[in-house]
Amino acid sequence: MRPQSRYHIVSLAFFFVLIAVGRVEAKPRIILPEDIQYHRFASRVSGAEATWVNPAGLAINKQLDFQYIRRFYDGKFTDDWGAVVSGDGVGIAYRSLENYRGGRYREYIFATGTDIGRNMYWGVSYRYVKEGAGLYNKRHFWSLGLLMDTSPRVSLGAVFGNLNRGRIDGARSQIEHVVTGTYRPSGENMIISAEIAWSTDQNLADARFRAGLELFPRGQMTFHGSFDDDGQYRIGFRFNLNRYFIVTESRSDADNNHLGTAVATGTERKLR
């Protein structure tokens, strides 16, 4: 058996072992906010976004990447903002939300990723909520991410969040699982991704499903969109100009109510 094949088999086995852990009695669940940090699929992420999506993706992109993000809502920019910097396998992020579940929310993320074989990567992240309403205040979260290119056209990713299972009213909270896949059809102008996400005590039948598409027309523009089984959808674009870029992503619910738009601007520079 080729070494690369052995790595892939070991990684897939690791995915399923982690998924199976911890299903005993019902436990409380902690849902983190999605505001500011626009969505990317864990099997299709590198650079700064990997800091909050999948830390394994930090091992892919060796360049220095900085982003400043604001939320646009109801015709104006709000006071919700964030920033992230990554490079050489390390990422650091911060975000501040003025009102999440009744209080101000301030969060730090420290993440790192490295390769574990040919086209295989893993990473860990530590998230600290310095200020938050209720159970979010002073909360810690550890996550493990995995990423693998099984072929030139297919990538797999998995993220296991809240591994420390912080207590809520004396009970351990649930581990959060996200498993994703990305397919690149022939040609260079489209990418299709899908993910399922569920907590320790949920059956897969109750998992959240999301699918998305990226389009790469000629020029410096990239379009992306996704939808989930709750009817929520996201549409955005990225425009590159030399070493600088702009990213937007607008989020709406099933009734077409606008939930806010993340607007990010930043720069990318090669480290070596």
C-alpha atoms as a PDB file:
ATOM      1  CA  MET A   1       0.000   0.000   0.000  1.00  0.00           C
ATOM      2  CA  ARG A   2       1.326   3.441  -0.918  1.00  0.00           C
ATOM      3  CA  PRO A   3       2.173   5.807   1.991  1.00  0.00           C
ATOM      4  CA  GLN A   4      -0.356   8.340   0.727  1.00  0.00           C
ATOM      5  CA  SER A   5      -3.135   5.722   0.778  1.00  0.00           C
ATOM      6  CA  ARG A   6      -2.230   4.720   4.329  1.00  0.00           C
ATOM      7  CA  TYR A   7      -2.447   8.358   5.440  1.00  0.00           C
ATOM      8  CA  HIS A   8      -5.902   8.683   3.898  1.00  0.00           C
ATOM      9  CA  ILE A   9      -7.196   5.499   5.559  1.00  0.00           C
ATOM     10  CA  VAL A  10      -5.853   6.558   8.957  1.00  0.00           C
ATOM     11  CA  SER A  11      -7.412  10.019   8.632  1.00  0.00           C
ATOM     12  CA  LEU A  12     -10.827   8.693   7.643  1.00  0.00           C
ATOM     13  CA  ALA A  13     -10.751   6.275  10.569  1.00  0.00           C
ATOM     14  CA  PHE A  14      -9.854   9.183  12.865  1.00  0.00           C
ATOM     15  CA  PHE A  15     -12.869  11.137  11.576  1.00  0.00           C
ATOM     16  CA  PHE A  16     -15.295   8.365  12.491  1.00  0.00           C
ATOM     17  CA  VAL A  17     -13.740   7.671  15.887  1.00  0.00           C
ATOM     18  CA  LEU A  18     -14.168  11.300  16.886  1.00  0.00           C
ATOM     19  CA  ILE A  19     -17.711  11.392  15.549  1.00  0.00           C
ATOM     20  CA  ALA A  20     -18.661   8.386  17.679  1.00  0.00           C
ATOM     21  CA  VAL A  21     -17.291   9.787  20.948  1.00  0.00           C
ATOM     22  CA  GLY A  22     -19.537  10.882  23.792  1.00  0.00           C
ATOM     23  CA  ARG A  23     -23.058   9.709  22.932  1.00  0.00           C
ATOM     24  CA  VAL A  24     -24.428   8.760  26.334  1.00  0.00           C
ATOM     25  CA  GLU A  25     -26.917  11.040  28.089  1.00  0.00           C
ATOM     26  CA  ALA A  26     -28.465  14.330  26.983  1.00  0.00           C
ATOM     27  CA  LYS A  27     -26.189  17.320  27.545  1.00  0.00           C
ATOM     28  CA  PRO A  28     -26.584  21.102  27.142  1.00  0.00           C
ATOM     29  CA  ARG A  29     -25.371  22.748  23.954  1.00  0.00           C
ATOM     30  CA  ILE A  30     -23.510  26.017  23.317  1.00  0.00           C
ATOM     31  CA  ILE A  31     -24.222  27.748  19.999  1.00  0.00           C
ATOM     32  CA  LEU A  32     -21.652  30.364  18.974  1.00  0.00           C
ATOM     33  CA  PRO A  33     -22.600  33.476  16.972  1.00  0.00           C
ATOM     34  CA  GLU A  34     -21.975  33.577  13.217  1.00  0.00           C
ATOM     35  CA  ASP A  35     -21.925  37.374  12.903  1.00  0.00           C
ATOM     36  CA  ILE A  36     -18.884  39.047  11.279  1.00  0.00           C
ATOM     37  CA  GLN A  37     -17.142  35.759  10.486  1.00  0.00           C
ATOM     38  CA  TYR A  38     -18.515  34.945   7.025  1.00  0.00           C
ATOM     39  CA  HIS A  39     -19.000  31.299   6.107  1.00  0.00           C
ATOM     40  CA  ARG A  40     -16.458  29.085   4.380  1.00  0.00           C
ATOM     41  CA  PHE A  41     -16.543  25.315   4.020  1.00  0.00           C
ATOM     42  CA  ALA A  42     -14.033  23.439   6.183  1.00  0.00           C
ATOM     43  CA  SER A  43     -12.893  21.388   3.178  1.00  0.00           C
ATOM     44  CA  ARG A  44     -12.291  24.526   1.127  1.00  0.00           C
ATOM     45  CA  VAL A  45     -10.493  27.060   3.305  1.00  0.00           C
ATOM     46  CA  SER A  46      -6.997  28.528   3.680  1.00  0.00           C
ATOM     47  CA  GLY A  47      -5.508  31.786   4.827  1.00  0.00           C
ATOM     48  CA  ALA A  48      -7.123  34.017   7.447  1.00  0.00           C
ATOM     49  CA  GLU A  49     -10.608  32.458   7.250  1.00  0.00           C
ATOM     50  CA  ALA A  50      -9.179  29.129   8.408  1.00  0.00           C
ATOM     51  CA  THR A  51      -8.599  30.691  11.838  1.00  0.00           C
ATOM     52  CA  TRP A  52     -12.323  30.513  12.646  1.00  0.00           C
ATOM     53  CA  VAL A  53     -13.477  27.848  10.135  1.00  0.00           C
ATOM     54  CA  ASN A  54     -10.876  25.047  10.204  1.00  0.00           C
ATOM     55  CA  PRO A  55      -7.395  25.584  11.729  1.00  0.00           C
ATOM     56  CA  ALA A  56      -5.972  22.811   9.531  1.00  0.00           C
ATOM     57  CA  GLY A  57      -6.329  25.197   6.574  1.00  0.00           C
ATOM     58  CA  LEU A  58      -3.684  27.488   8.079  1.00  0.00           C
ATOM     59  CA  ALA A  59      -1.046  24.960   7.022  1.00  0.00           C
ATOM     60  CA  ILE A  60      -1.848  25.396   3.326  1.00  0.00           C
ATOM     61  CA  ASN A  61      -1.353  29.101   2.792  1.00  0.00           C
ATOM     62  CA  LYS A  62       2.073  30.336   3.892  1.00  0.00           C
ATOM     63  CA  GLN A  63       1.486  33.987   3.038  1.00  0.00           C
ATOM     64  CA  LEU A  64       0.719  36.807   5.452  1.00  0.00           C
ATOM     65  CA  ASP A  65      -2.998  37.579   5.391  1.00  0.00           C
ATOM     66  CA  PHE A  66      -4.754  40.407   7.233  1.00  0.00           C
ATOM     67  CA  GLN A  67      -8.475  41.225   7.247  1.00  0.00           C
ATOM     68  CA  TYR A  68     -10.634  43.879   8.884  1.00  0.00           C
ATOM     69  CA  ILE A  69     -14.352  43.031   8.948  1.00  0.00           C
ATOM     70  CA  ARG A  70     -17.471  45.128   9.642  1.00  0.00           C
ATOM     71  CA  ARG A  71     -21.177  44.320   9.668  1.00  0.00           C
ATOM     72  CA  PHE A  72     -23.505  46.253   7.380  1.00  0.00           C
ATOM     73  CA  TYR A  73     -27.176  46.247   8.399  1.00  0.00           C
ATOM     74  CA  ASP A  74     -30.246  48.407   7.872  1.00  0.00           C
ATOM     75  CA  GLY A  75     -28.437  50.763   5.506  1.00  0.00           C
ATOM     76  CA  LYS A  76     -25.385  51.460   7.670  1.00  0.00           C
ATOM     77  CA  PHE A  77     -22.293  49.936   9.222  1.00  0.00           C
ATOM     78  CA  THR A  78     -22.891  48.789  12.785  1.00  0.00           C
ATOM     79  CA  ASP A  79     -20.457  48.735  15.706  1.00  0.00           C
ATOM     80  CA  ASP A  80     -19.894  44.987  15.210  1.00  0.00           C
ATOM     81  CA  TRP A  81     -16.390  44.394  13.875  1.00  0.00           C
ATOM     82  CA  GLY A  82     -13.530  41.929  13.772  1.00  0.00           C
ATOM     83  CA  ALA A  83      -9.945  41.491  12.617  1.00  0.00           C
ATOM     84  CA  VAL A  84      -7.773  38.498  11.790  1.00  0.00           C
ATOM     85  CA  VAL A  85      -4.133  37.991  10.837  1.00  0.00           C
ATOM     86  CA  SER A  86      -2.537  34.740   9.714  1.00  0.00           C
ATOM     87  CA  GLY A  87       0.758  33.540   8.326  1.00  0.00           C
ATOM     88  CA  ASP A  88       3.131  30.567   8.349  1.00  0.00           C
ATOM     89  CA  GLY A  89       0.568  28.243   9.924  1.00  0.00           C
ATOM     90  CA  VAL A  90      -0.636  30.574  12.697  1.00  0.00           C
ATOM     91  CA  GLY A  91      -3.806  32.667  12.965  1.00  0.00           C
ATOM     92  CA  ILE A  92      -5.110  35.180  15.513  1.00  0.00           C
ATOM     93  CA  ALA A  93      -8.611  36.668  15.380  1.00  0.00           C
ATOM     94  CA  TYR A  94     -10.756  39.070  17.413  1.00  0.00           C
ATOM     95  CA  ARG A  95     -14.387  40.112  17.118  1.00  0.00           C
ATOM     96  CA  SER A  96     -16.687  42.400  19.048  1.00  0.00           C
ATOM     97  CA  LEU A  97     -20.483  42.200  18.816  1.00  0.00           C
ATOM     98  CA  GLU A  98     -22.503  44.912  20.524  1.00  0.00           C
ATOM     99  CA  ASN A  99     -25.487  42.707  21.283  1.00  0.00           C
ATOM    100  CA  TYR A 100     -25.562  38.929  21.174  1.00  0.00           C
ATOM    101  CA  ARG A 101     -28.294  37.266  23.232  1.00  0.00           C
ATOM    102  CA  GLY A 102     -28.691  40.307  25.414  1.00  0.00           C
ATOM    103  CA  GLY A 103     -25.141  41.509  25.960  1.00  0.00           C
ATOM    104  CA  ARG A 104     -21.843  42.576  24.452  1.00  0.00           C
ATOM    105  CA  TYR A 105     -19.718  39.752  23.070  1.00  0.00           C
ATOM    106  CA  ARG A 106     -15.909  39.905  22.775  1.00  0.00           C
ATOM    107  CA  GLU A 107     -13.938  36.924  21.519  1.00  0.00           C
ATOM    108  CA  TYR A 108     -10.308  35.952  20.804  1.00  0.00           C
ATOM    109  CA  ILE A 109      -9.142  32.983  18.703  1.00  0.00           C
ATOM    110  CA  PHE A 110      -5.620  31.545  18.566  1.00  0.00           C
ATOM    111  CA  ALA A 111      -5.063  28.800  15.990  1.00  0.00           C
ATOM    112  CA  THR A 112      -2.297  26.843  14.312  1.00  0.00           C
ATOM    113  CA  GLY A 113      -2.088  24.184  11.605  1.00  0.00           C
ATOM    114  CA  THR A 114       0.536  21.936  10.056  1.00  0.00           C
ATOM    115  CA  ASP A 115       0.799  19.130   7.498  1.00  0.00           C
ATOM    116  CA  ILE A 116       0.789  15.457   8.544  1.00  0.00           C
ATOM    117  CA  GLY A 117       1.526  13.915   5.183  1.00  0.00           C
ATOM    118  CA  ARG A 118       1.111  14.541   1.511  1.00  0.00           C
ATOM    119  CA  ASN A 119      -1.994  16.697   0.989  1.00  0.00           C
ATOM    120  CA  MET A 120      -3.081  16.129   4.602  1.00  0.00           C
ATOM    121  CA  TYR A 121      -3.270  18.755   7.349  1.00  0.00           C
ATOM    122  CA  TRP A 122      -4.437  19.152  10.927  1.00  0.00           C
ATOM    123  CA  GLY A 123      -4.808  22.079  13.285  1.00  0.00           C
ATOM    124  CA  VAL A 124      -6.034  23.193  16.687  1.00  0.00           C
ATOM    125  CA  SER A 125      -7.666  26.383  17.897  1.00  0.00           C
ATOM    126  CA  TYR A 126      -8.392  27.958  21.255  1.00  0.00           C
ATOM    127  CA  ARG A 127     -11.307  30.366  21.520  1.00  0.00           C
ATOM    128  CA  TYR A 128     -11.795  32.602  24.557  1.00  0.00           C
ATOM    129  CA  VAL A 129     -14.951  34.633  25.077  1.00  0.00           C
ATOM    130  CA  LYS A 130     -13.713  37.422  27.309  1.00  0.00           C
ATOM    131  CA  GLU A 131     -17.128  39.018  27.652  1.00  0.00           C
ATOM    132  CA  GLY A 132     -20.556  37.635  26.875  1.00  0.00           C
ATOM    133  CA  ALA A 133     -24.113  37.381  28.137  1.00  0.00           C
ATOM    134  CA  GLY A 134     -25.048  34.576  30.492  1.00  0.00           C
ATOM    135  CA  LEU A 135     -23.255  31.277  29.877  1.00  0.00           C
ATOM    136  CA  TYR A 136     -20.921  32.834  27.257  1.00  0.00           C
ATOM    137  CA  ASN A 137     -19.025  35.000  29.728  1.00  0.00           C
ATOM    138  CA  LYS A 138     -15.399  33.874  30.299  1.00  0.00           C
ATOM    139  CA  ARG A 139     -16.016  30.712  28.249  1.00  0.00           C
ATOM    140  CA  HIS A 140     -13.206  28.602  26.708  1.00  0.00           C
ATOM    141  CA  PHE A 141     -13.417  26.398  23.597  1.00  0.00           C
ATOM    142  CA  TRP A 142     -10.866  23.981  22.100  1.00  0.00           C
ATOM    143  CA  SER A 143     -11.265  22.692  18.537  1.00  0.00           C
ATOM    144  CA  LEU A 144      -9.515  20.167  16.303  1.00  0.00           C
ATOM    145  CA  GLY A 145      -9.556  20.449  12.513  1.00  0.00           C
ATOM    146  CA  LEU A 146      -8.599  17.997   9.752  1.00  0.00           C
ATOM    147  CA  LEU A 147      -8.238  18.602   6.020  1.00  0.00           C
ATOM    148  CA  MET A 148      -7.345  16.196   3.222  1.00  0.00           C
ATOM    149  CA  ASP A 149      -7.128  16.351  -0.574  1.00  0.00           C
ATOM    150  CA  THR A 150      -8.103  12.834  -1.631  1.00  0.00           C
ATOM    151  CA  SER A 151      -7.587  13.690  -5.300  1.00  0.00           C
ATOM    152  CA  PRO A 152      -7.095  16.795  -7.467  1.00  0.00           C
ATOM    153  CA  ARG A 153     -10.883  17.179  -7.570  1.00  0.00           C
ATOM    154  CA  VAL A 154     -12.031  16.120  -4.092  1.00  0.00           C
ATOM    155  CA  SER A 155     -11.236  17.518  -0.620  1.00  0.00           C
ATOM    156  CA  LEU A 156     -12.585  16.457   2.767  1.00  0.00           C
ATOM    157  CA  GLY A 157     -12.615  18.427   5.995  1.00  0.00           C
ATOM    158  CA  ALA A 158     -13.794  17.931   9.565  1.00  0.00           C
ATOM    159  CA  VAL A 159     -13.877  20.147  12.643  1.00  0.00           C
ATOM    160  CA  PHE A 160     -14.648  19.018  16.194  1.00  0.00           C
ATOM    161  CA  GLY A 161     -15.474  21.954  18.432  1.00  0.00           C
ATOM    162  CA  ASN A 162     -15.891  22.438  22.183  1.00  0.00           C
ATOM    163  CA  LEU A 163     -13.665  19.433  22.897  1.00  0.00           C
ATOM    164  CA  ASN A 164     -13.182  20.629  26.470  1.00  0.00           C
ATOM    165  CA  ARG A 165     -16.977  20.435  26.980  1.00  0.00           C
ATOM    166  CA  GLY A 166     -17.309  23.309  29.424  1.00  0.00           C
ATOM    167  CA  ARG A 167     -19.943  22.837  32.105  1.00  0.00           C
ATOM    168  CA  ILE A 168     -23.380  24.486  32.122  1.00  0.00           C
ATOM    169  CA  ASP A 169     -25.203  24.246  35.463  1.00  0.00           C
ATOM    170  CA  GLY A 170     -22.894  21.398  36.412  1.00  0.00           C
ATOM    171  CA  ALA A 171     -23.406  19.345  33.223  1.00  0.00           C
ATOM    172  CA  ARG A 172     -20.829  18.886  30.486  1.00  0.00           C
ATOM    173  CA  SER A 173     -21.787  20.597  27.216  1.00  0.00           C
ATOM    174  CA  GLN A 174     -21.796  18.824  23.866  1.00  0.00           C
ATOM    175  CA  ILE A 175     -19.046  18.421  21.284  1.00  0.00           C
ATOM    176  CA  GLU A 176     -19.900  20.032  17.936  1.00  0.00           C
ATOM    177  CA  HIS A 177     -19.100  18.180  14.696  1.00  0.00           C
ATOM    178  CA  VAL A 178     -18.794  19.576  11.171  1.00  0.00           C
ATOM    179  CA  VAL A 179     -17.913  17.283   8.252  1.00  0.00           C
ATOM    180  CA  THR A 180     -17.556  18.752   4.752  1.00  0.00           C
ATOM    181  CA  GLY A 181     -16.677  17.790   1.209  1.00  0.00           C
ATOM    182  CA  THR A 182     -15.654  19.808  -1.847  1.00  0.00           C
ATOM    183  CA  TYR A 183     -15.779  18.712  -5.479  1.00  0.00           C
ATOM    184  CA  ARG A 184     -14.076  20.472  -8.386  1.00  0.00           C
ATOM    185  CA  PRO A 185     -15.667  19.547 -11.731  1.00  0.00           C
ATOM    186  CA  SER A 186     -13.548  19.572 -14.858  1.00  0.00           C
ATOM    187  CA  GLY A 187     -12.469  23.093 -15.696  1.00  0.00           C
ATOM    188  CA  GLU A 188     -11.421  25.943 -13.429  1.00  0.00           C
ATOM    189  CA  ASN A 189     -14.581  28.025 -13.091  1.00  0.00           C
ATOM    190  CA  MET A 190     -16.696  26.238 -10.465  1.00  0.00           C
ATOM    191  CA  ILE A 191     -16.431  24.490  -7.074  1.00  0.00           C
ATOM    192  CA  ILE A 192     -19.257  22.648  -5.252  1.00  0.00           C
ATOM    193  CA  SER A 193     -19.206  22.068  -1.464  1.00  0.00           C
ATOM    194  CA  ALA A 194     -21.501  20.556   1.149  1.00  0.00           C
ATOM    195  CA  GLU A 195     -21.416  20.079   4.914  1.00  0.00           C
ATOM    196  CA  ILE A 196     -23.320  18.465   7.734  1.00  0.00           C
ATOM    197  CA  ALA A 197     -23.138  19.766  11.310  1.00  0.00           C
ATOM    198  CA  TRP A 198     -24.485  18.207  14.480  1.00  0.00           C
ATOM    199  CA  SER A 199     -23.829  17.935  18.197  1.00  0.00           C
ATOM    200  CA  THR A 200     -22.943  14.881  20.258  1.00  0.00           C
ATOM    201  CA  ASP A 201     -26.512  13.948  21.219  1.00  0.00           C
ATOM    202  CA  GLN A 202     -28.104  14.573  17.835  1.00  0.00           C
ATOM    203  CA  ASN A 203     -28.854  11.887  15.286  1.00  0.00           C
ATOM    204  CA  LEU A 204     -27.509  12.485  11.793  1.00  0.00           C
ATOM    205  CA  ALA A 205     -31.120  12.740  10.630  1.00  0.00           C
ATOM    206  CA  ASP A 206     -31.390  15.930  12.717  1.00  0.00           C
ATOM    207  CA  ALA A 207     -28.099  17.420  11.530  1.00  0.00           C
ATOM    208  CA  ARG A 208     -27.962  20.794   9.768  1.00  0.00           C
ATOM    209  CA  PHE A 209     -27.135  20.522   6.079  1.00  0.00           C
ATOM    210  CA  ARG A 210     -25.558  23.242   3.965  1.00  0.00           C
ATOM    211  CA  ALA A 211     -24.507  23.308   0.303  1.00  0.00           C
ATOM    212  CA  GLY A 212     -22.650  25.953  -1.645  1.00  0.00           C
ATOM    213  CA  LEU A 213     -21.185  26.986  -4.959  1.00  0.00           C
ATOM    214  CA  GLU A 214     -18.209  29.122  -5.973  1.00  0.00           C
ATOM    215  CA  LEU A 215     -17.877  30.607  -9.456  1.00  0.00           C
ATOM    216  CA  PHE A 216     -14.693  31.952 -10.988  1.00  0.00           C
ATOM    217  CA  PRO A 217     -15.467  34.099 -14.022  1.00  0.00           C
ATOM    218  CA  ARG A 218     -12.650  35.711 -15.922  1.00  0.00           C
ATOM    219  CA  GLY A 219     -10.972  38.586 -14.144  1.00  0.00           C
ATOM    220  CA  GLN A 220     -10.388  39.202 -10.445  1.00  0.00           C
ATOM    221  CA  MET A 221     -13.923  38.509  -9.212  1.00  0.00           C
ATOM    222  CA  THR A 222     -15.127  35.382  -7.378  1.00  0.00           C
ATOM    223  CA  PHE A 223     -18.799  34.734  -6.561  1.00  0.00           C
ATOM    224  CA  HIS A 224     -19.979  32.417  -3.800  1.00  0.00           C
ATOM    225  CA  GLY A 225     -23.316  31.359  -2.380  1.00  0.00           C
ATOM    226  CA  SER A 226     -24.740  28.774   0.006  1.00  0.00           C
ATOM    227  CA  PHE A 227     -28.026  27.662   1.560  1.00  0.00           C
ATOM    228  CA  ASP A 228     -29.016  25.422   4.465  1.00  0.00           C
ATOM    229  CA  ASP A 229     -31.999  23.246   5.301  1.00  0.00           C
ATOM    230  CA  ASP A 230     -33.534  26.009   7.453  1.00  0.00           C
ATOM    231  CA  GLY A 231     -33.913  28.130   4.334  1.00  0.00           C
ATOM    232  CA  GLN A 232     -31.156  30.570   5.281  1.00  0.00           C
ATOM    233  CA  TYR A 233     -28.947  31.568   2.369  1.00  0.00           C
ATOM    234  CA  ARG A 234     -25.794  33.582   1.795  1.00  0.00           C
ATOM    235  CA  ILE A 235     -24.519  35.379  -1.283  1.00  0.00           C
ATOM    236  CA  GLY A 236     -21.224  37.196  -1.685  1.00  0.00           C
ATOM    237  CA  PHE A 237     -18.188  37.950  -3.765  1.00  0.00           C
ATOM    238  CA  ARG A 238     -14.452  38.529  -3.507  1.00  0.00           C
ATOM    239  CA  PHE A 239     -12.607  41.073  -5.628  1.00  0.00           C
ATOM    240  CA  ASN A 240      -8.808  40.897  -5.850  1.00  0.00           C
ATOM    241  CA  LEU A 241      -6.626  43.856  -6.793  1.00  0.00           C
ATOM    242  CA  ASN A 242      -2.927  43.002  -6.731  1.00  0.00           C
ATOM    243  CA  ARG A 243      -2.177  42.252  -3.056  1.00  0.00           C
ATOM    244  CA  TYR A 244      -5.436  43.753  -1.740  1.00  0.00           C
ATOM    245  CA  PHE A 245      -8.961  42.372  -1.720  1.00  0.00           C
ATOM    246  CA  ILE A 246     -12.564  42.985  -0.668  1.00  0.00           C
ATOM    247  CA  VAL A 247     -14.957  40.245   0.488  1.00  0.00           C
ATOM    248  CA  THR A 248     -18.698  40.563   1.131  1.00  0.00           C
ATOM    249  CA  GLU A 249     -21.297  38.054   2.247  1.00  0.00           C
ATOM    250  CA  SER A 250     -24.971  38.889   2.753  1.00  0.00           C
ATOM    251  CA  ARG A 251     -27.091  36.584   4.940  1.00  0.00           C
ATOM    252  CA  SER A 252     -30.894  36.234   4.728  1.00  0.00           C
ATOM    253  CA  ASP A 253     -33.481  33.926   6.284  1.00  0.00           C
ATOM    254  CA  ALA A 254     -36.172  31.813   4.622  1.00  0.00           C
ATOM    255  CA  ASP A 255     -38.544  34.821   4.535  1.00  0.00           C
ATOM    256  CA  ASN A 256     -35.941  36.949   2.709  1.00  0.00           C
ATOM    257  CA  ASN A 257     -35.284  39.074   5.781  1.00  0.00           C
ATOM    258  CA  HIS A 258     -31.793  40.532   5.644  1.00  0.00           C
ATOM    259  CA  LEU A 259     -29.729  39.390   8.647  1.00  0.00           C
ATOM    260  CA  GLY A 260     -26.665  41.480   7.888  1.00  0.00           C
ATOM    261  CA  THR A 261     -23.738  41.668   5.483  1.00  0.00           C
ATOM    262  CA  ALA A 262     -20.137  40.994   6.403  1.00  0.00           C
ATOM    263  CA  VAL A 263     -17.746  43.350   4.582  1.00  0.00           C
ATOM    264  CA  ALA A 264     -14.040  42.588   4.797  1.00  0.00           C
ATOM    265  CA  THR A 265     -11.014  44.300   3.347  1.00  0.00           C
ATOM    266  CA  GLY A 266      -7.443  43.151   3.623  1.00  0.00           C
ATOM    267  CA  THR A 267      -4.095  42.348   2.116  1.00  0.00           C
ATOM    268  CA  GLU A 268      -2.051  39.270   1.259  1.00  0.00           C
ATOM    269  CA  ARG A 269       1.745  39.158   1.039  1.00  0.00           C
ATOM    270  CA  LYS A 270       4.099  36.252   0.433  1.00  0.00           C
ATOM    271  CA  LEU A 271       6.353  35.477   3.364  1.00  0.00           C
ATOM    272  CA  ARG A 272       8.949  33.685   1.264  1.00  0.00           C
END
